[in-house]
Amino acid sequence: MPPGEWAHYAVVFDGTNATLFIDAQRQGSFVAKGELAARRSSFTVARAANENARFFRGRLDEIAVYGKALAPETLARHVALARGP
């Protein structure tokens, strides 16, 4: 996204595929079969947990993690609510 432009990003893992959505529009996916193991270390966003040198230099707001894969329709509602009337 261009600097200063707001966008809603979501990655959905359904047990078979990981799919990236930007503003509720599918951008692509890759096969990612299996179960996600429980974390035994700190949860980090925008950088590797074991690295302090490279990290995301933008701003993040309202990060959420769900216990199930969200449907594209749900993502679209999230985007609509965030953008407002």
Protein backbone atom coordinates (compact mmCIF):
# COMPACT_ATOMS: atom_id res chain seq x y z
CA MET A 1 0.00 0.00 0.00
CA PRO A 2 1.18 3.56 -0.59
CA PRO A 3 2.39 5.41 2.51
CA GLY A 4 -0.48 6.90 4.49
CA GLU A 5 -3.15 4.70 2.91
CA TRP A 6 -5.26 2.49 5.19
CA ALA A 7 -5.90 -1.15 4.29
CA HIS A 8 -7.34 -4.21 6.03
CA TYR A 9 -5.02 -7.21 5.80
CA ALA A 10 -6.04 -10.73 6.81
CA VAL A 11 -4.36 -14.10 6.51
CA VAL A 12 -6.77 -17.01 6.84
CA PHE A 13 -5.52 -20.52 7.60
CA ASP A 14 -8.19 -23.19 7.15
CA GLY A 15 -6.10 -26.26 7.92
CA THR A 16 -5.19 -26.74 4.25
CA ASN A 17 -4.34 -23.33 2.80
CA ALA A 18 -3.09 -19.96 4.01
CA THR A 19 -4.78 -17.17 2.05
CA LEU A 20 -3.96 -13.46 2.05
CA PHE A 21 -6.82 -10.97 1.77
CA ILE A 22 -6.41 -7.20 1.37
CA ASP A 23 -9.63 -5.24 1.94
CA ALA A 24 -11.49 -8.60 1.82
CA GLN A 25 -10.20 -9.36 -1.70
CA ARG A 26 -8.27 -12.61 -2.15
CA GLN A 27 -4.69 -11.91 -3.20
CA GLY A 28 -3.29 -15.43 -3.25
CA SER A 29 -2.76 -18.57 -1.22
CA PHE A 30 -0.40 -21.44 -0.65
CA VAL A 31 -0.80 -24.99 0.63
CA ALA A 32 -0.14 -25.19 4.35
CA LYS A 33 -1.49 -28.54 5.55
CA GLY A 34 -1.47 -29.61 9.15
CA GLU A 35 -2.21 -28.20 12.54
CA LEU A 36 -0.69 -25.13 14.08
CA ALA A 37 1.24 -26.07 17.18
CA ALA A 38 0.61 -24.18 20.40
CA ARG A 39 3.09 -21.34 20.87
CA ARG A 40 5.74 -21.83 23.52
CA SER A 41 7.34 -18.42 23.03
CA SER A 42 6.19 -14.81 22.85
CA PHE A 43 3.71 -13.87 20.15
CA THR A 44 5.26 -11.28 17.87
CA VAL A 45 3.85 -9.25 15.01
CA ALA A 46 5.86 -7.55 12.25
CA ARG A 47 9.21 -9.07 13.19
CA ALA A 48 10.73 -12.46 13.92
CA ALA A 49 10.63 -13.42 17.60
CA ASN A 50 14.37 -14.07 17.59
CA GLU A 51 15.47 -10.97 15.70
CA ASN A 52 15.68 -7.29 16.56
CA ALA A 53 17.34 -5.88 13.44
CA ARG A 54 14.68 -6.26 10.72
CA PHE A 55 11.06 -5.37 11.32
CA PHE A 56 8.00 -3.79 9.74
CA ARG A 57 8.46 -0.01 9.64
CA GLY A 58 4.81 0.95 9.19
CA ARG A 59 2.02 1.24 11.71
CA LEU A 60 -0.33 -1.53 12.80
CA ASP A 61 -3.69 -1.01 14.46
CA GLU A 62 -6.32 -3.35 15.88
CA ILE A 63 -4.54 -6.67 15.44
CA ALA A 64 -6.77 -9.68 16.06
CA VAL A 65 -6.18 -13.43 16.17
CA TYR A 66 -9.17 -15.76 15.86
CA GLY A 67 -9.47 -19.43 16.78
CA LYS A 68 -11.10 -20.30 13.45
CA ALA A 69 -10.82 -19.34 9.79
CA LEU A 70 -12.98 -16.33 8.92
CA ALA A 71 -15.12 -16.44 5.79
CA PRO A 72 -14.58 -13.81 3.08
CA GLU A 73 -18.03 -12.39 3.89
CA THR A 74 -16.94 -11.83 7.50
CA LEU A 75 -13.76 -10.11 6.32
CA ALA A 76 -15.88 -7.85 4.08
CA ARG A 77 -18.03 -6.88 7.10
CA HIS A 78 -14.87 -6.05 9.08
CA VAL A 79 -13.65 -3.79 6.25
CA ALA A 80 -17.05 -2.07 5.96
CA LEU A 81 -17.21 -1.44 9.71
CA ALA A 82 -13.67 -0.06 9.78
CA ARG A 83 -14.28 2.29 6.84
CA GLY A 84 -17.55 3.56 8.31
CA PRO A 85 -20.53 5.10 6.54
